[in-house]
PDB file of N, CA and C in Angstrom:
ATOM      1  N   MET A   1      17.105   1.906  -6.721  1.00  0.00           N
ATOM      2  CA  MET A   1      15.750   2.077  -6.247  1.00  0.00           C
ATOM      3  C   MET A   1      15.478   1.003  -5.199  1.00  0.00           C
ATOM      4  N   ALA A   2      15.092   1.389  -4.004  1.00  0.00           N
ATOM      5  CA  ALA A   2      14.887   0.426  -2.926  1.00  0.00           C
ATOM      6  C   ALA A   2      13.621  -0.405  -3.114  1.00  0.00           C
ATOM      7  N   TYR A   3      12.520   0.246  -3.378  1.00  0.00           N
ATOM      8  CA  TYR A   3      11.229  -0.424  -3.504  1.00  0.00           C
ATOM      9  C   TYR A   3      10.916  -0.611  -4.975  1.00  0.00           C
ATOM     10  N   GLU A   4      10.760  -1.849  -5.423  1.00  0.00           N
ATOM     11  CA  GLU A   4      10.451  -2.128  -6.823  1.00  0.00           C
ATOM     12  C   GLU A   4       9.367  -3.193  -6.946  1.00  0.00           C
ATOM     13  N   PRO A   5       8.103  -2.785  -7.078  1.00  0.00           N
ATOM     14  CA  PRO A   5       7.027  -3.764  -7.272  1.00  0.00           C
ATOM     15  C   PRO A   5       7.151  -4.418  -8.642  1.00  0.00           C
ATOM     16  N   GLU A   6       6.548  -5.585  -8.792  1.00  0.00           N
ATOM     17  CA  GLU A   6       6.688  -6.338 -10.036  1.00  0.00           C
ATOM     18  C   GLU A   6       6.090  -5.637 -11.252  1.00  0.00           C
ATOM     19  N   TRP A   7       5.118  -4.741 -11.052  1.00  0.00           N
ATOM     20  CA  TRP A   7       4.465  -4.106 -12.190  1.00  0.00           C
ATOM     21  C   TRP A   7       5.358  -3.101 -12.919  1.00  0.00           C
ATOM     22  N   ILE A   8       6.490  -2.711 -12.350  1.00  0.00           N
ATOM     23  CA  ILE A   8       7.313  -1.689 -13.010  1.00  0.00           C
ATOM     24  C   ILE A   8       7.966  -2.187 -14.297  1.00  0.00           C
ATOM     25  N   THR A   9       7.961  -3.500 -14.519  1.00  0.00           N
ATOM     26  CA  THR A   9       8.547  -4.024 -15.753  1.00  0.00           C
ATOM     27  C   THR A   9       7.549  -4.047 -16.910  1.00  0.00           C
ATOM     28  N   ASP A  10       6.272  -3.751 -16.643  1.00  0.00           N
ATOM     29  CA  ASP A  10       5.286  -3.674 -17.721  1.00  0.00           C
ATOM     30  C   ASP A  10       5.667  -2.536 -18.673  1.00  0.00           C
ATOM     31  N   THR A  11       5.176  -2.600 -19.894  1.00  0.00           N
ATOM     32  CA  THR A  11       5.556  -1.656 -20.943  1.00  0.00           C
ATOM     33  C   THR A  11       5.347  -0.192 -20.558  1.00  0.00           C
ATOM     34  N   GLY A  12       4.152   0.152 -20.085  1.00  0.00           N
ATOM     35  CA  GLY A  12       3.860   1.551 -19.753  1.00  0.00           C
ATOM     36  C   GLY A  12       4.732   2.085 -18.632  1.00  0.00           C
ATOM     37  N   PRO A  13       4.698   1.439 -17.468  1.00  0.00           N
ATOM     38  CA  PRO A  13       5.541   1.924 -16.374  1.00  0.00           C
ATOM     39  C   PRO A  13       7.035   1.918 -16.717  1.00  0.00           C
ATOM     40  N   SER A  14       7.475   0.912 -17.444  1.00  0.00           N
ATOM     41  CA  SER A  14       8.883   0.834 -17.823  1.00  0.00           C
ATOM     42  C   SER A  14       9.285   2.040 -18.673  1.00  0.00           C
ATOM     43  N   LYS A  15       8.414   2.423 -19.600  1.00  0.00           N
ATOM     44  CA  LYS A  15       8.688   3.582 -20.458  1.00  0.00           C
ATOM     45  C   LYS A  15       8.681   4.871 -19.640  1.00  0.00           C
ATOM     46  N   LEU A  16       7.735   4.987 -18.714  1.00  0.00           N
ATOM     47  CA  LEU A  16       7.705   6.170 -17.841  1.00  0.00           C
ATOM     48  C   LEU A  16       8.988   6.267 -17.032  1.00  0.00           C
ATOM     49  N   ASN A  17       9.453   5.141 -16.528  1.00  0.00           N
ATOM     50  CA  ASN A  17      10.690   5.107 -15.750  1.00  0.00           C
ATOM     51  C   ASN A  17      11.874   5.538 -16.610  1.00  0.00           C
ATOM     52  N   GLU A  18      11.877   5.097 -17.858  1.00  0.00           N
ATOM     53  CA  GLU A  18      12.953   5.464 -18.785  1.00  0.00           C
ATOM     54  C   GLU A  18      12.945   6.963 -19.084  1.00  0.00           C
ATOM     55  N   LEU A  19      11.743   7.520 -19.301  1.00  0.00           N
ATOM     56  CA  LEU A  19      11.624   8.916 -19.709  1.00  0.00           C
ATOM     57  C   LEU A  19      11.720   9.910 -18.555  1.00  0.00           C
ATOM     58  N   GLN A  20      11.226   9.522 -17.393  1.00  0.00           N
ATOM     59  CA  GLN A  20      11.213  10.419 -16.230  1.00  0.00           C
ATOM     60  C   GLN A  20      11.612   9.640 -14.970  1.00  0.00           C
ATOM     61  N   PRO A  21      12.856   9.194 -14.871  1.00  0.00           N
ATOM     62  CA  PRO A  21      13.252   8.330 -13.752  1.00  0.00           C
ATOM     63  C   PRO A  21      13.089   8.967 -12.373  1.00  0.00           C
ATOM     64  N   GLU A  22      13.334  10.245 -12.252  1.00  0.00           N
ATOM     65  CA  GLU A  22      13.207  10.886 -10.938  1.00  0.00           C
ATOM     66  C   GLU A  22      11.747  10.934 -10.483  1.00  0.00           C
ATOM     67  N   MET A  23      10.849  11.343 -11.392  1.00  0.00           N
ATOM     68  CA  MET A  23       9.429  11.375 -11.022  1.00  0.00           C
ATOM     69  C   MET A  23       8.911   9.969 -10.761  1.00  0.00           C
ATOM     70  N   PHE A  24       9.369   9.005 -11.563  1.00  0.00           N
ATOM     71  CA  PHE A  24       8.952   7.621 -11.371  1.00  0.00           C
ATOM     72  C   PHE A  24       9.383   7.115 -10.000  1.00  0.00           C
ATOM     73  N   ARG A  25      10.626   7.412  -9.613  1.00  0.00           N
ATOM     74  CA  ARG A  25      11.125   7.017  -8.292  1.00  0.00           C
ATOM     75  C   ARG A  25      10.284   7.660  -7.191  1.00  0.00           C
ATOM     76  N   LYS A  26       9.925   8.903  -7.361  1.00  0.00           N
ATOM     77  CA  LYS A  26       9.102   9.594  -6.359  1.00  0.00           C
ATOM     78  C   LYS A  26       7.710   8.957  -6.260  1.00  0.00           C
ATOM     79  N   PHE A  27       7.170   8.523  -7.410  1.00  0.00           N
ATOM     80  CA  PHE A  27       5.887   7.833  -7.377  1.00  0.00           C
ATOM     81  C   PHE A  27       6.004   6.532  -6.579  1.00  0.00           C
ATOM     82  N   LEU A  28       7.077   5.781  -6.813  1.00  0.00           N
ATOM     83  CA  LEU A  28       7.288   4.535  -6.070  1.00  0.00           C
ATOM     84  C   LEU A  28       7.474   4.790  -4.582  1.00  0.00           C
ATOM     85  N   GLU A  29       8.163   5.864  -4.249  1.00  0.00           N
ATOM     86  CA  GLU A  29       8.320   6.231  -2.833  1.00  0.00           C
ATOM     87  C   GLU A  29       6.969   6.558  -2.215  1.00  0.00           C
ATOM     88  N   PHE A  30       6.129   7.266  -2.974  1.00  0.00           N
ATOM     89  CA  PHE A  30       4.782   7.596  -2.506  1.00  0.00           C
ATOM     90  C   PHE A  30       3.965   6.326  -2.294  1.00  0.00           C
ATOM     91  N   GLU A  31       3.985   5.425  -3.290  1.00  0.00           N
ATOM     92  CA  GLU A  31       3.252   4.166  -3.156  1.00  0.00           C
ATOM     93  C   GLU A  31       3.725   3.379  -1.937  1.00  0.00           C
ATOM     94  N   ASP A  32       5.035   3.323  -1.759  1.00  0.00           N
ATOM     95  CA  ASP A  32       5.601   2.603  -0.617  1.00  0.00           C
ATOM     96  C   ASP A  32       5.130   3.222   0.701  1.00  0.00           C
ATOM     97  N   ALA A  33       5.117   4.544   0.758  1.00  0.00           N
ATOM     98  CA  ALA A  33       4.668   5.231   1.977  1.00  0.00           C
ATOM     99  C   ALA A  33       3.192   4.961   2.256  1.00  0.00           C
ATOM    100  N   VAL A  34       2.370   4.949   1.210  1.00  0.00           N
ATOM    101  CA  VAL A  34       0.937   4.718   1.383  1.00  0.00           C
ATOM    102  C   VAL A  34       0.665   3.321   1.920  1.00  0.00           C
ATOM    103  N   TYR A  35       1.354   2.322   1.379  1.00  0.00           N
ATOM    104  CA  TYR A  35       1.092   0.941   1.780  1.00  0.00           C
ATOM    105  C   TYR A  35       1.961   0.465   2.931  1.00  0.00           C
ATOM    106  N   HIS A  36       2.855   1.329   3.402  1.00  0.00           N
ATOM    107  CA  HIS A  36       3.675   0.990   4.567  1.00  0.00           C
ATOM    108  C   HIS A  36       2.774   0.841   5.793  1.00  0.00           C
ATOM    109  N   ARG A  37       3.166  -0.029   6.677  1.00  0.00           N
ATOM    110  CA  ARG A  37       2.359  -0.264   7.879  1.00  0.00           C
ATOM    111  C   ARG A  37       2.088   1.053   8.602  1.00  0.00           C
ATOM    112  N   GLY A  38       0.826   1.289   8.851  1.00  0.00           N
ATOM    113  CA  GLY A  38       0.406   2.506   9.539  1.00  0.00           C
ATOM    114  C   GLY A  38      -0.734   2.171  10.481  1.00  0.00           C
ATOM    115  N   LYS A  39      -1.630   3.084  10.648  1.00  0.00           N
ATOM    116  CA  LYS A  39      -2.788   2.878  11.531  1.00  0.00           C
ATOM    117  C   LYS A  39      -3.779   1.888  10.932  1.00  0.00           C
ATOM    118  N   ILE A  40      -3.869   1.845   9.605  1.00  0.00           N
ATOM    119  CA  ILE A  40      -4.791   0.929   8.930  1.00  0.00           C
ATOM    120  C   ILE A  40      -4.012  -0.327   8.544  1.00  0.00           C
ATOM    121  N   PRO A  41      -4.494  -1.501   8.955  1.00  0.00           N
ATOM    122  CA  PRO A  41      -3.796  -2.742   8.597  1.00  0.00           C
ATOM    123  C   PRO A  41      -3.732  -2.950   7.082  1.00  0.00           C
ATOM    124  N   ALA A  42      -2.691  -3.640   6.630  1.00  0.00           N
ATOM    125  CA  ALA A  42      -2.464  -3.887   5.200  1.00  0.00           C
ATOM    126  C   ALA A  42      -3.677  -4.525   4.533  1.00  0.00           C
ATOM    127  N   LYS A  43      -4.321  -5.459   5.202  1.00  0.00           N
ATOM    128  CA  LYS A  43      -5.495  -6.129   4.620  1.00  0.00           C
ATOM    129  C   LYS A  43      -6.580  -5.114   4.282  1.00  0.00           C
ATOM    130  N   TYR A  44      -6.833  -4.189   5.171  1.00  0.00           N
ATOM    131  CA  TYR A  44      -7.876  -3.194   4.921  1.00  0.00           C
ATOM    132  C   TYR A  44      -7.469  -2.227   3.812  1.00  0.00           C
ATOM    133  N   LYS A  45      -6.191  -1.837   3.796  1.00  0.00           N
ATOM    134  CA  LYS A  45      -5.727  -0.951   2.728  1.00  0.00           C
ATOM    135  C   LYS A  45      -5.902  -1.636   1.368  1.00  0.00           C
ATOM    136  N   GLU A  46      -5.553  -2.907   1.310  1.00  0.00           N
ATOM    137  CA  GLU A  46      -5.673  -3.624   0.031  1.00  0.00           C
ATOM    138  C   GLU A  46      -7.130  -3.832  -0.356  1.00  0.00           C
ATOM    139  N   LEU A  47      -8.007  -4.073   0.620  1.00  0.00           N
ATOM    140  CA  LEU A  47      -9.437  -4.189   0.297  1.00  0.00           C
ATOM    141  C   LEU A  47      -9.975  -2.852  -0.217  1.00  0.00           C
ATOM    142  N   MET A  48      -9.519  -1.750   0.380  1.00  0.00           N
ATOM    143  CA  MET A  48      -9.905  -0.435  -0.140  1.00  0.00           C
ATOM    144  C   MET A  48      -9.399  -0.284  -1.567  1.00  0.00           C
ATOM    145  N   ALA A  49      -8.164  -0.696  -1.804  1.00  0.00           N
ATOM    146  CA  ALA A  49      -7.581  -0.589  -3.144  1.00  0.00           C
ATOM    147  C   ALA A  49      -8.348  -1.438  -4.147  1.00  0.00           C
ATOM    148  N   VAL A  50      -8.788  -2.622  -3.734  1.00  0.00           N
ATOM    149  CA  VAL A  50      -9.587  -3.469  -4.636  1.00  0.00           C
ATOM    150  C   VAL A  50     -10.848  -2.716  -5.060  1.00  0.00           C
ATOM    151  N   GLY A  51     -11.556  -2.156  -4.098  1.00  0.00           N
ATOM    152  CA  GLY A  51     -12.772  -1.407  -4.429  1.00  0.00           C
ATOM    153  C   GLY A  51     -12.482  -0.201  -5.304  1.00  0.00           C
ATOM    154  N   ILE A  52     -11.462   0.539  -4.959  1.00  0.00           N
ATOM    155  CA  ILE A  52     -11.131   1.747  -5.711  1.00  0.00           C
ATOM    156  C   ILE A  52     -10.718   1.405  -7.134  1.00  0.00           C
ATOM    157  N   THR A  53      -9.957   0.334  -7.318  1.00  0.00           N
ATOM    158  CA  THR A  53      -9.536  -0.024  -8.671  1.00  0.00           C
ATOM    159  C   THR A  53     -10.714  -0.450  -9.533  1.00  0.00           C
ATOM    160  N   HIS A  54     -11.769  -0.958  -8.908  1.00  0.00           N
ATOM    161  CA  HIS A  54     -12.965  -1.286  -9.688  1.00  0.00           C
ATOM    162  C   HIS A  54     -13.694  -0.009 -10.106  1.00  0.00           C
ATOM    163  N   VAL A  55     -13.551   1.057  -9.341  1.00  0.00           N
ATOM    164  CA  VAL A  55     -14.143   2.338  -9.720  1.00  0.00           C
ATOM    165  C   VAL A  55     -13.280   3.021 -10.785  1.00  0.00           C
ATOM    166  N   THR A  56     -11.953   2.980 -10.619  1.00  0.00           N
ATOM    167  CA  THR A  56     -11.066   3.611 -11.596  1.00  0.00           C
ATOM    168  C   THR A  56     -10.903   2.757 -12.844  1.00  0.00           C
ATOM    169  N   GLN A  57     -11.323   1.506 -12.780  1.00  0.00           N
ATOM    170  CA  GLN A  57     -11.379   0.577 -13.907  1.00  0.00           C
ATOM    171  C   GLN A  57     -10.010   0.243 -14.506  1.00  0.00           C
ATOM    172  N   CYS A  58      -9.030   0.067 -13.642  1.00  0.00           N
ATOM    173  CA  CYS A  58      -7.692  -0.344 -14.082  1.00  0.00           C
ATOM    174  C   CYS A  58      -7.553  -1.841 -13.831  1.00  0.00           C
ATOM    175  N   GLU A  59      -7.634  -2.640 -14.895  1.00  0.00           N
ATOM    176  CA  GLU A  59      -7.593  -4.097 -14.742  1.00  0.00           C
ATOM    177  C   GLU A  59      -6.288  -4.586 -14.135  1.00  0.00           C
ATOM    178  N   ALA A  60      -5.175  -4.004 -14.546  1.00  0.00           N
ATOM    179  CA  ALA A  60      -3.888  -4.416 -13.972  1.00  0.00           C
ATOM    180  C   ALA A  60      -3.860  -4.121 -12.473  1.00  0.00           C
ATOM    181  N   CYS A  61      -4.411  -2.977 -12.086  1.00  0.00           N
ATOM    182  CA  CYS A  61      -4.452  -2.613 -10.668  1.00  0.00           C
ATOM    183  C   CYS A  61      -5.404  -3.525  -9.893  1.00  0.00           C
ATOM    184  N   MET A  62      -6.521  -3.900 -10.524  1.00  0.00           N
ATOM    185  CA  MET A  62      -7.455  -4.831  -9.880  1.00  0.00           C
ATOM    186  C   MET A  62      -6.747  -6.129  -9.536  1.00  0.00           C
ATOM    187  N   ALA A  63      -6.047  -6.693 -10.512  1.00  0.00           N
ATOM    188  CA  ALA A  63      -5.349  -7.960 -10.300  1.00  0.00           C
ATOM    189  C   ALA A  63      -4.245  -7.803  -9.256  1.00  0.00           C
ATOM    190  N   TYR A  64      -3.487  -6.721  -9.347  1.00  0.00           N
ATOM    191  CA  TYR A  64      -2.380  -6.469  -8.422  1.00  0.00           C
ATOM    192  C   TYR A  64      -2.873  -6.357  -6.984  1.00  0.00           C
ATOM    193  N   HIS A  65      -3.910  -5.550  -6.765  1.00  0.00           N
ATOM    194  CA  HIS A  65      -4.389  -5.340  -5.397  1.00  0.00           C
ATOM    195  C   HIS A  65      -5.212  -6.521  -4.884  1.00  0.00           C
ATOM    196  N   THR A  66      -5.864  -7.262  -5.772  1.00  0.00           N
ATOM    197  CA  THR A  66      -6.537  -8.486  -5.341  1.00  0.00           C
ATOM    198  C   THR A  66      -5.492  -9.484  -4.853  1.00  0.00           C
ATOM    199  N   HIS A  67      -4.415  -9.618  -5.590  1.00  0.00           N
ATOM    200  CA  HIS A  67      -3.313 -10.501  -5.187  1.00  0.00           C
ATOM    201  C   HIS A  67      -2.744 -10.061  -3.839  1.00  0.00           C
ATOM    202  N   ASN A  68      -2.492  -8.757  -3.702  1.00  0.00           N
ATOM    203  CA  ASN A  68      -1.951  -8.234  -2.441  1.00  0.00           C
ATOM    204  C   ASN A  68      -2.928  -8.403  -1.283  1.00  0.00           C
ATOM    205  N   ALA A  69      -4.216  -8.262  -1.558  1.00  0.00           N
ATOM    206  CA  ALA A  69      -5.225  -8.465  -0.513  1.00  0.00           C
ATOM    207  C   ALA A  69      -5.198  -9.909  -0.032  1.00  0.00           C
ATOM    208  N   LYS A  70      -5.081 -10.846  -0.978  1.00  0.00           N
ATOM    209  CA  LYS A  70      -4.994 -12.273  -0.604  1.00  0.00           C
ATOM    210  C   LYS A  70      -3.746 -12.500   0.255  1.00  0.00           C
ATOM    211  N   LEU A  71      -2.626 -11.920  -0.142  1.00  0.00           N
ATOM    212  CA  LEU A  71      -1.385 -12.066   0.631  1.00  0.00           C
ATOM    213  C   LEU A  71      -1.519 -11.475   2.032  1.00  0.00           C
ATOM    214  N   ALA A  72      -2.334 -10.429   2.155  1.00  0.00           N
ATOM    215  CA  ALA A  72      -2.539  -9.767   3.453  1.00  0.00           C
ATOM    216  C   ALA A  72      -3.596 -10.474   4.297  1.00  0.00           C
ATOM    217  N   GLY A  73      -4.167 -11.569   3.770  1.00  0.00           N
ATOM    218  CA  GLY A  73      -5.109 -12.350   4.562  1.00  0.00           C
ATOM    219  C   GLY A  73      -6.576 -12.165   4.229  1.00  0.00           C
ATOM    220  N   ALA A  74      -6.883 -11.418   3.187  1.00  0.00           N
ATOM    221  CA  ALA A  74      -8.286 -11.224   2.810  1.00  0.00           C
ATOM    222  C   ALA A  74      -8.849 -12.506   2.199  1.00  0.00           C
ATOM    223  N   THR A  75     -10.088 -12.775   2.511  1.00  0.00           N
ATOM    224  CA  THR A  75     -10.762 -13.940   1.940  1.00  0.00           C
ATOM    225  C   THR A  75     -11.376 -13.569   0.595  1.00  0.00           C
ATOM    226  N   ASP A  76     -11.724 -14.581  -0.184  1.00  0.00           N
ATOM    227  CA  ASP A  76     -12.390 -14.333  -1.461  1.00  0.00           C
ATOM    228  C   ASP A  76     -13.694 -13.572  -1.240  1.00  0.00           C
ATOM    229  N   GLU A  77     -14.405 -13.918  -0.181  1.00  0.00           N
ATOM    230  CA  GLU A  77     -15.682 -13.265   0.118  1.00  0.00           C
ATOM    231  C   GLU A  77     -15.474 -11.788   0.456  1.00  0.00           C
ATOM    232  N   GLU A  78     -14.414 -11.468   1.199  1.00  0.00           N
ATOM    233  CA  GLU A  78     -14.127 -10.068   1.529  1.00  0.00           C
ATOM    234  C   GLU A  78     -13.769  -9.278   0.272  1.00  0.00           C
ATOM    235  N   ILE A  79     -13.020  -9.897  -0.617  1.00  0.00           N
ATOM    236  CA  ILE A  79     -12.644  -9.226  -1.867  1.00  0.00           C
ATOM    237  C   ILE A  79     -13.884  -8.971  -2.724  1.00  0.00           C
ATOM    238  N   ALA A  80     -14.771  -9.953  -2.805  1.00  0.00           N
ATOM    239  CA  ALA A  80     -16.017  -9.770  -3.557  1.00  0.00           C
ATOM    240  C   ALA A  80     -16.858  -8.663  -2.936  1.00  0.00           C
ATOM    241  N   GLU A  81     -16.916  -8.618  -1.610  1.00  0.00           N
ATOM    242  CA  GLU A  81     -17.682  -7.577  -0.936  1.00  0.00           C
ATOM    243  C   GLU A  81     -17.101  -6.195  -1.226  1.00  0.00           C
ATOM    244  N   ALA A  82     -15.782  -6.088  -1.260  1.00  0.00           N
ATOM    245  CA  ALA A  82     -15.138  -4.816  -1.599  1.00  0.00           C
ATOM    246  C   ALA A  82     -15.523  -4.387  -3.014  1.00  0.00           C
ATOM    247  N   ALA A  83     -15.602  -5.339  -3.936  1.00  0.00           N
ATOM    248  CA  ALA A  83     -16.018  -5.029  -5.306  1.00  0.00           C
ATOM    249  C   ALA A  83     -17.470  -4.548  -5.329  1.00  0.00           C
ATOM    250  N   PHE A  84     -18.328  -5.160  -4.497  1.00  0.00           N
ATOM    251  CA  PHE A  84     -19.728  -4.714  -4.443  1.00  0.00           C
ATOM    252  C   PHE A  84     -19.845  -3.309  -3.865  1.00  0.00           C
ATOM    253  N   VAL A  85     -18.998  -2.961  -2.914  1.00  0.00           N
ATOM    254  CA  VAL A  85     -18.994  -1.591  -2.395  1.00  0.00           C
ATOM    255  C   VAL A  85     -18.685  -0.627  -3.539  1.00  0.00           C
ATOM    256  N   ALA A  86     -17.706  -0.986  -4.370  1.00  0.00           N
ATOM    257  CA  ALA A  86     -17.360  -0.156  -5.525  1.00  0.00           C
ATOM    258  C   ALA A  86     -18.534  -0.035  -6.485  1.00  0.00           C
ATOM    259  N   MET A  87     -19.211  -1.157  -6.751  1.00  0.00           N
ATOM    260  CA  MET A  87     -20.357  -1.137  -7.661  1.00  0.00           C
ATOM    261  C   MET A  87     -21.444  -0.199  -7.159  1.00  0.00           C
ATOM    262  N   GLU A  88     -21.718  -0.250  -5.858  1.00  0.00           N
ATOM    263  CA  GLU A  88     -22.762   0.595  -5.284  1.00  0.00           C
ATOM    264  C   GLU A  88     -22.388   2.065  -5.406  1.00  0.00           C
ATOM    265  N   LEU A  89     -21.117   2.370  -5.181  1.00  0.00           N
ATOM    266  CA  LEU A  89     -20.692   3.769  -5.272  1.00  0.00           C
ATOM    267  C   LEU A  89     -20.794   4.286  -6.704  1.00  0.00           C
ATOM    268  N   ARG A  90     -20.456   3.445  -7.682  1.00  0.00           N
ATOM    269  CA  ARG A  90     -20.599   3.861  -9.083  1.00  0.00           C
ATOM    270  C   ARG A  90     -22.072   4.096  -9.419  1.00  0.00           C
ATOM    271  N   ALA A  91     -22.931   3.190  -8.963  1.00  0.00           N
ATOM    272  CA  ALA A  91     -24.367   3.336  -9.215  1.00  0.00           C
ATOM    273  C   ALA A  91     -24.910   4.569  -8.504  1.00  0.00           C
ATOM    274  N   GLY A  92     -24.467   4.789  -7.289  1.00  0.00           N
ATOM    275  CA  GLY A  92     -24.911   5.957  -6.523  1.00  0.00           C
ATOM    276  C   GLY A  92     -24.514   7.258  -7.200  1.00  0.00           C
ATOM    277  N   ALA A  93     -23.314   7.282  -7.748  1.00  0.00           N
ATOM    278  CA  ALA A  93     -22.858   8.491  -8.442  1.00  0.00           C
ATOM    279  C   ALA A  93     -23.718   8.762  -9.672  1.00  0.00           C
ATOM    280  N   ALA A  94     -24.069   7.706 -10.408  1.00  0.00           N
ATOM    281  CA  ALA A  94     -24.930   7.883 -11.577  1.00  0.00           C
ATOM    282  C   ALA A  94     -26.292   8.427 -11.156  1.00  0.00           C
ATOM    283  N   MET A  95     -26.811   7.924 -10.050  1.00  0.00           N
ATOM    284  CA  MET A  95     -28.106   8.402  -9.564  1.00  0.00           C
ATOM    285  C   MET A  95     -28.001   9.871  -9.149  1.00  0.00           C
ATOM    286  N   ALA A  96     -26.953  10.222  -8.442  1.00  0.00           N
ATOM    287  CA  ALA A  96     -26.792  11.602  -7.982  1.00  0.00           C
ATOM    288  C   ALA A  96     -26.646  12.566  -9.160  1.00  0.00           C
ATOM    289  N   HIS A  97     -25.977  12.129 -10.215  1.00  0.00           N
ATOM    290  CA  HIS A  97     -25.787  12.995 -11.371  1.00  0.00           C
ATOM    291  C   HIS A  97     -27.038  13.109 -12.246  1.00  0.00           C
ATOM    292  N   PHE A  98     -28.065  12.358 -11.932  1.00  0.00           N
ATOM    293  CA  PHE A  98     -29.321  12.473 -12.675  1.00  0.00           C
ATOM    294  C   PHE A  98     -29.944  13.854 -12.474  1.00  0.00           C
ATOM    295  N   ARG A  99     -29.493  14.576 -11.470  1.00  0.00           N
ATOM    296  CA  ARG A  99     -30.055  15.910 -11.213  1.00  0.00           C
ATOM    297  C   ARG A  99     -29.923  16.811 -12.435  1.00  0.00           C
ATOM    298  N   ALA A 100     -28.855  16.610 -13.224  1.00  0.00           N
ATOM    299  CA  ALA A 100     -28.705  17.414 -14.445  1.00  0.00           C
ATOM    300  C   ALA A 100     -29.837  17.119 -15.417  1.00  0.00           C
ATOM    301  N   SER A 101     -30.217  15.870 -15.533  1.00  0.00           N
ATOM    302  CA  SER A 101     -31.352  15.502 -16.386  1.00  0.00           C
ATOM    303  C   SER A 101     -32.657  15.957 -15.771  1.00  0.00           C
ATOM    304  N   ALA A 102     -32.770  15.826 -14.459  1.00  0.00           N
ATOM    305  CA  ALA A 102     -34.014  16.179 -13.760  1.00  0.00           C
ATOM    306  C   ALA A 102     -34.363  17.648 -13.959  1.00  0.00           C
ATOM    307  N   ARG A 103     -33.348  18.518 -14.053  1.00  0.00           N
ATOM    308  CA  ARG A 103     -33.605  19.942 -14.262  1.00  0.00           C
ATOM    309  C   ARG A 103     -34.269  20.210 -15.613  1.00  0.00           C
ATOM    310  N   VAL A 104     -34.040  19.339 -16.568  1.00  0.00           N
ATOM    311  CA  VAL A 104     -34.556  19.520 -17.912  1.00  0.00           C
ATOM    312  C   VAL A 104     -35.900  18.841 -18.116  1.00  0.00           C
ATOM    313  N   LEU A 105     -36.160  17.786 -17.378  1.00  0.00           N
ATOM    314  CA  LEU A 105     -37.384  17.018 -17.560  1.00  0.00           C
ATOM    315  C   LEU A 105     -38.617  17.913 -17.428  1.00  0.00           C
ATOM    316  N   GLY A 106     -39.537  17.738 -18.351  1.00  0.00           N
ATOM    317  CA  GLY A 106     -40.790  18.495 -18.309  1.00  0.00           C
ATOM    318  C   GLY A 106     -40.698  19.880 -18.905  1.00  0.00           C
ATOM    319  N   LYS A 107     -39.515  20.370 -19.221  1.00  0.00           N
ATOM    320  CA  LYS A 107     -39.357  21.724 -19.766  1.00  0.00           C
ATOM    321  C   LYS A 107     -39.522  21.781 -21.282  1.00  0.00           C
ATOM    322  N   HIS A 108     -39.177  20.706 -21.953  1.00  0.00           N
ATOM    323  CA  HIS A 108     -39.197  20.714 -23.423  1.00  0.00           C
ATOM    324  C   HIS A 108     -40.075  19.579 -23.910  1.00  0.00           C
ATOM    325  N   ASN A 109     -41.358  19.816 -23.946  1.00  0.00           N
ATOM    326  CA  ASN A 109     -42.283  18.790 -24.430  1.00  0.00           C
ATOM    327  C   ASN A 109     -42.475  18.963 -25.924  1.00  0.00           C
ATOM    328  N   HIS A 110     -42.200  17.916 -26.662  1.00  0.00           N
ATOM    329  CA  HIS A 110     -42.353  17.943 -28.119  1.00  0.00           C
ATOM    330  C   HIS A 110     -43.462  16.985 -28.520  1.00  0.00           C
ATOM    331  N   ASP A 111     -44.712  17.365 -28.277  1.00  0.00           N
ATOM    332  CA  ASP A 111     -45.862  16.508 -28.613  1.00  0.00           C
ATOM    333  C   ASP A 111     -46.423  16.842 -29.946  1.00  0.00           C
TER     334      ASP A 111
END
C-alpha cells in the first residue's frame, strides 16, 4: 500500500483492513486523491475537514484534521473559526427542521 496514514493502525480501521483489504485500499486511494494537491490549497481543504468533522462528530477525525491543518499552516484562530462555521451550520439545520414542528403548532390545543 503506497499511502498509509497513521490512523490505519487504530483498532477499527485495522480490523476493516483485515476483513476487506481491497475495499480498504480503495478508500485510502480515495482519501489520497481528495487531499492531493489540486485547485484548493491543502490548508483550506484541512480547514474544511476540521469544520466537517465537527458536524459529523468524529473525535478522531477532528484531532487528525486539526493536526493536518496546523501542518498545512493554519493558525489556531483559523481552526477555531472553522469550528464556529460548523456550529452555525448545525444550529441552522436545527432551525430549518423546525418546520416539522411548526406545521403542528396550534393544531392540537389541549386546554
